[in-house]
Amino acid sequence: MHARGGKIVLLMETRLSTKGQVVLPNQIRRKLGLRSGDPLDAKVQNGSVVLTPRRSRNRKPKIVVDKLTGLPVLSLGGEAPLLTSKDVAEILANFP
């Protein structure tokens, strides 16, 4: 990770296969909530390849019982993006 324009950028290496396929590292897929089959737009911008998810998947939250605390919590499922403490702090900082 490194900072670019005040934002934290997740930078990871991947390789192009002989079939022209690129594997997105798990950490990036989880951060963006991407799953197999999700459509991405690909473009060349300033000599770089830019992949952009077409749309975020509409996830329906469910109320489940937390295994650790026994309390009800909202869940978006096992493949929902992971939130770090910093992510939560940023979300709460913008909360009215």
C-alpha atoms as a PDB file:
ATOM      1  CA  MET A   1       0.000   0.000   0.000  1.00  0.00           C
ATOM      2  CA  HIS A   2       1.100   3.542  -0.624  1.00  0.00           C
ATOM      3  CA  ALA A   3      -0.459   6.998  -0.548  1.00  0.00           C
ATOM      4  CA  ARG A   4      -1.392   8.817  -3.742  1.00  0.00           C
ATOM      5  CA  GLY A   5      -3.088  12.205  -3.570  1.00  0.00           C
ATOM      6  CA  GLY A   6      -4.007  11.692   0.076  1.00  0.00           C
ATOM      7  CA  LYS A   7      -5.641   8.301  -0.592  1.00  0.00           C
ATOM      8  CA  ILE A   8      -4.275   4.888   0.331  1.00  0.00           C
ATOM      9  CA  VAL A   9      -3.678   2.827  -2.805  1.00  0.00           C
ATOM     10  CA  LEU A  10      -3.517  -0.959  -2.658  1.00  0.00           C
ATOM     11  CA  LEU A  11      -0.695  -1.977  -5.001  1.00  0.00           C
ATOM     12  CA  MET A  12      -0.090  -5.668  -5.665  1.00  0.00           C
ATOM     13  CA  GLU A  13       1.675  -7.590  -8.418  1.00  0.00           C
ATOM     14  CA  THR A  14      -0.104  -9.966 -10.770  1.00  0.00           C
ATOM     15  CA  ARG A  15       0.839 -11.518 -14.108  1.00  0.00           C
ATOM     16  CA  LEU A  16      -0.728 -11.889 -17.522  1.00  0.00           C
ATOM     17  CA  SER A  17      -1.302 -15.534 -18.503  1.00  0.00           C
ATOM     18  CA  THR A  18      -0.601 -16.963 -21.960  1.00  0.00           C
ATOM     19  CA  LYS A  19      -4.368 -16.697 -22.558  1.00  0.00           C
ATOM     20  CA  GLY A  20      -4.334 -12.973 -21.715  1.00  0.00           C
ATOM     21  CA  GLN A  21      -5.990 -13.509 -18.334  1.00  0.00           C
ATOM     22  CA  VAL A  22      -5.169 -11.537 -15.200  1.00  0.00           C
ATOM     23  CA  VAL A  23      -5.830 -12.787 -11.676  1.00  0.00           C
ATOM     24  CA  LEU A  24      -6.836 -10.088  -9.209  1.00  0.00           C
ATOM     25  CA  PRO A  25      -5.289 -10.825  -5.803  1.00  0.00           C
ATOM     26  CA  ASN A  26      -7.749 -11.924  -3.114  1.00  0.00           C
ATOM     27  CA  GLN A  27      -7.097  -8.837  -0.972  1.00  0.00           C
ATOM     28  CA  ILE A  28      -8.186  -6.568  -3.847  1.00  0.00           C
ATOM     29  CA  ARG A  29     -11.256  -8.704  -4.678  1.00  0.00           C
ATOM     30  CA  ARG A  30     -12.394  -8.691  -1.042  1.00  0.00           C
ATOM     31  CA  LYS A  31     -11.770  -4.950  -0.616  1.00  0.00           C
ATOM     32  CA  LEU A  32     -14.006  -4.261  -3.642  1.00  0.00           C
ATOM     33  CA  GLY A  33     -16.497  -7.053  -2.964  1.00  0.00           C
ATOM     34  CA  LEU A  34     -15.792  -8.708  -6.329  1.00  0.00           C
ATOM     35  CA  ARG A  35     -16.737 -12.288  -7.107  1.00  0.00           C
ATOM     36  CA  SER A  36     -16.143 -14.652  -9.999  1.00  0.00           C
ATOM     37  CA  GLY A  37     -18.179 -13.579 -13.022  1.00  0.00           C
ATOM     38  CA  ASP A  38     -18.578  -9.923 -11.982  1.00  0.00           C
ATOM     39  CA  PRO A  39     -18.298  -7.675 -15.068  1.00  0.00           C
ATOM     40  CA  LEU A  40     -15.373  -5.235 -15.261  1.00  0.00           C
ATOM     41  CA  ASP A  41     -14.741  -2.450 -17.775  1.00  0.00           C
ATOM     42  CA  ALA A  42     -11.160  -2.359 -19.105  1.00  0.00           C
ATOM     43  CA  LYS A  43      -9.529   0.739 -20.569  1.00  0.00           C
ATOM     44  CA  VAL A  44      -6.076   2.099 -21.301  1.00  0.00           C
ATOM     45  CA  GLN A  45      -5.439   5.394 -19.536  1.00  0.00           C
ATOM     46  CA  ASN A  46      -2.109   7.237 -19.634  1.00  0.00           C
ATOM     47  CA  GLY A  47      -0.248   4.028 -20.513  1.00  0.00           C
ATOM     48  CA  SER A  48      -1.909   1.993 -17.729  1.00  0.00           C
ATOM     49  CA  VAL A  49      -4.618  -0.655 -17.798  1.00  0.00           C
ATOM     50  CA  VAL A  50      -7.559   0.380 -15.609  1.00  0.00           C
ATOM     51  CA  LEU A  51     -10.194  -2.170 -14.554  1.00  0.00           C
ATOM     52  CA  THR A  52     -13.416  -0.768 -13.106  1.00  0.00           C
ATOM     53  CA  PRO A  53     -16.317  -2.823 -11.718  1.00  0.00           C
ATOM     54  CA  ARG A  54     -19.453  -2.034 -13.772  1.00  0.00           C
ATOM     55  CA  ARG A  55     -21.727  -1.880 -10.761  1.00  0.00           C
ATOM     56  CA  SER A  56     -21.744  -3.012  -7.212  1.00  0.00           C
ATOM     57  CA  ARG A  57     -23.825  -6.078  -6.516  1.00  0.00           C
ATOM     58  CA  ASN A  58     -27.020  -5.360  -4.667  1.00  0.00           C
ATOM     59  CA  ARG A  59     -26.602  -7.323  -1.479  1.00  0.00           C
ATOM     60  CA  LYS A  60     -29.511  -7.920   0.807  1.00  0.00           C
ATOM     61  CA  PRO A  61     -28.441  -7.653   4.437  1.00  0.00           C
ATOM     62  CA  LYS A  62     -29.680 -10.263   6.895  1.00  0.00           C
ATOM     63  CA  ILE A  63     -29.865 -10.179  10.663  1.00  0.00           C
ATOM     64  CA  VAL A  64     -27.852 -13.078  12.090  1.00  0.00           C
ATOM     65  CA  VAL A  65     -26.617 -14.024  15.546  1.00  0.00           C
ATOM     66  CA  ASP A  66     -22.923 -13.329  16.099  1.00  0.00           C
ATOM     67  CA  LYS A  67     -21.194 -16.583  17.109  1.00  0.00           C
ATOM     68  CA  LEU A  68     -18.835 -14.822  19.518  1.00  0.00           C
ATOM     69  CA  THR A  69     -21.192 -12.436  21.322  1.00  0.00           C
ATOM     70  CA  GLY A  70     -24.601 -14.032  20.733  1.00  0.00           C
ATOM     71  CA  LEU A  71     -25.917 -10.604  19.712  1.00  0.00           C
ATOM     72  CA  PRO A  72     -27.863  -9.868  16.510  1.00  0.00           C
ATOM     73  CA  VAL A  73     -25.754  -8.278  13.745  1.00  0.00           C
ATOM     74  CA  LEU A  74     -26.266  -7.310  10.106  1.00  0.00           C
ATOM     75  CA  SER A  75     -24.500  -9.569   7.608  1.00  0.00           C
ATOM     76  CA  LEU A  76     -23.938  -9.237   3.864  1.00  0.00           C
ATOM     77  CA  GLY A  77     -22.610 -12.794   3.596  1.00  0.00           C
ATOM     78  CA  GLY A  78     -19.237 -14.478   3.688  1.00  0.00           C
ATOM     79  CA  GLU A  79     -17.861 -12.783   0.590  1.00  0.00           C
ATOM     80  CA  ALA A  80     -18.658  -9.231   1.665  1.00  0.00           C
ATOM     81  CA  PRO A  81     -15.687  -6.848   1.614  1.00  0.00           C
ATOM     82  CA  LEU A  82     -13.610  -6.762   4.788  1.00  0.00           C
ATOM     83  CA  LEU A  83     -13.566  -3.500   6.682  1.00  0.00           C
ATOM     84  CA  THR A  84     -10.536  -2.481   8.670  1.00  0.00           C
ATOM     85  CA  SER A  85     -10.702  -0.295  11.769  1.00  0.00           C
ATOM     86  CA  LYS A  86      -9.512   2.569   9.582  1.00  0.00           C
ATOM     87  CA  ASP A  87     -12.330   1.925   7.057  1.00  0.00           C
ATOM     88  CA  VAL A  88     -14.896   1.992   9.871  1.00  0.00           C
ATOM     89  CA  ALA A  89     -13.405   5.194  11.311  1.00  0.00           C
ATOM     90  CA  GLU A  90     -13.627   6.873   7.870  1.00  0.00           C
ATOM     91  CA  ILE A  91     -17.244   5.757   7.426  1.00  0.00           C
ATOM     92  CA  LEU A  92     -18.202   6.998  10.891  1.00  0.00           C
ATOM     93  CA  ALA A  93     -16.364  10.290  10.362  1.00  0.00           C
ATOM     94  CA  ASN A  94     -18.720  11.016   7.422  1.00  0.00           C
ATOM     95  CA  PHE A  95     -21.812   9.852   9.274  1.00  0.00           C
ATOM     96  CA  PRO A  96     -24.262  12.668  10.079  1.00  0.00           C
END
